[in-house]
Amino acid sequence: MCCHGIVISCKNKKIKEGKTMWTDAHSHLTDNRWGTRVEEILNYSKSCGISRWVQGGISPSEWEKQKNLKSRFSAAIPGQRFLRLD
């Protein structure tokens, strides 16, 4: 998830007025670097018109974190990718 992108989006008047809703189609809200700021980031991006977040991740441990996040924030959609490594 890129906070810079959210800040740019918030400058758009249509988005601020709620006329357009956006989906962040590739976010990493379960990244440890966000720490306890996830709720703050989601609330801020909601105020900018983002209504859903599709999570990116490639491992079962990441998917588990995403499921836990979805239980707290229903609009945080888990994304699962299956890789063949042979």
Protein backbone atom coordinates (compact mmCIF):
# COMPACT_ATOMS: atom_id res chain seq x y z
CA MET A 1 0.00 0.00 0.00
CA CYS A 2 1.36 3.36 -0.92
CA CYS A 3 0.44 6.27 1.33
CA HIS A 4 1.80 8.63 -1.30
CA GLY A 5 -0.91 7.42 -3.69
CA ILE A 6 -3.56 8.04 -1.06
CA VAL A 7 -2.33 11.59 -0.50
CA ILE A 8 -2.45 12.29 -4.24
CA SER A 9 -5.98 10.85 -4.42
CA CYS A 10 -7.14 13.05 -1.56
CA LYS A 11 -6.26 16.14 -3.54
CA ASN A 12 -8.92 15.19 -6.09
CA LYS A 13 -12.07 17.15 -5.23
CA LYS A 14 -14.47 14.55 -6.70
CA ILE A 15 -13.02 11.87 -4.45
CA LYS A 16 -13.24 14.08 -1.35
CA GLU A 17 -16.90 14.81 -2.11
CA GLY A 18 -17.67 11.10 -2.23
CA LYS A 19 -18.67 11.05 -5.89
CA THR A 20 -16.14 8.38 -6.77
CA MET A 21 -15.20 5.29 -4.78
CA TRP A 22 -11.96 3.48 -5.42
CA THR A 23 -10.53 0.03 -4.79
CA ASP A 24 -6.88 -0.27 -3.87
CA ALA A 25 -6.22 -3.36 -5.98
CA HIS A 26 -2.78 -4.18 -4.63
CA SER A 27 -2.24 -3.32 -0.99
CA HIS A 28 -0.03 -4.85 1.66
CA LEU A 29 -1.85 -3.91 4.83
CA THR A 30 -0.43 -6.89 6.72
CA ASP A 31 3.15 -5.78 6.09
CA ASN A 32 4.90 -5.56 9.45
CA ARG A 33 6.23 -2.10 8.58
CA TRP A 34 2.75 -0.64 9.12
CA GLY A 35 2.73 -1.87 12.71
CA THR A 36 -0.28 -0.55 14.60
CA ARG A 37 -1.04 2.14 11.99
CA VAL A 38 -3.30 -0.04 9.79
CA GLU A 39 -6.55 1.32 11.23
CA GLU A 40 -5.28 4.89 10.88
CA ILE A 41 -4.28 4.23 7.25
CA LEU A 42 -7.63 2.62 6.42
CA ASN A 43 -9.60 5.47 8.00
CA TYR A 44 -7.55 8.07 6.17
CA SER A 45 -7.86 6.33 2.83
CA LYS A 46 -11.65 5.90 3.40
CA SER A 47 -11.90 9.67 3.82
CA CYS A 48 -10.21 9.93 0.40
CA GLY A 49 -12.77 7.70 -1.31
CA ILE A 50 -11.11 4.29 -1.15
CA SER A 51 -13.75 1.76 -0.16
CA ARG A 52 -11.99 -1.61 -0.59
CA TRP A 53 -8.47 -2.99 -0.36
CA VAL A 54 -7.36 -6.16 -2.17
CA GLN A 55 -4.41 -7.66 -0.32
CA GLY A 56 -1.29 -8.92 -2.04
CA GLY A 57 0.55 -11.94 -0.67
CA ILE A 58 2.06 -15.23 -1.76
CA SER A 59 2.45 -17.37 1.35
CA PRO A 60 0.05 -19.24 3.64
CA SER A 61 1.29 -17.26 6.66
CA GLU A 62 0.48 -14.03 4.81
CA TRP A 63 -2.98 -15.31 3.86
CA GLU A 64 -3.67 -16.08 7.52
CA LYS A 65 -2.76 -12.50 8.48
CA GLN A 66 -5.07 -11.27 5.72
CA LYS A 67 -7.98 -13.35 7.04
CA ASN A 68 -7.41 -11.91 10.50
CA LEU A 69 -7.37 -8.39 9.07
CA LYS A 70 -10.63 -9.06 7.19
CA SER A 71 -12.27 -10.13 10.44
CA ARG A 72 -11.53 -6.61 11.75
CA PHE A 73 -12.04 -4.68 8.50
CA SER A 74 -14.55 -6.32 6.16
CA ALA A 75 -13.44 -4.25 3.15
CA ALA A 76 -9.88 -5.64 3.34
CA ILE A 77 -10.20 -8.46 0.80
CA PRO A 78 -7.67 -11.31 1.12
CA GLY A 79 -5.80 -12.07 -2.09
CA GLN A 80 -4.33 -15.51 -2.61
CA ARG A 81 -1.85 -16.47 -5.28
CA PHE A 82 -0.72 -19.99 -5.91
CA LEU A 83 2.76 -20.45 -7.27
CA ARG A 84 4.18 -23.59 -8.81
CA LEU A 85 7.82 -23.81 -7.88
CA ASP A 86 8.92 -27.01 -9.64
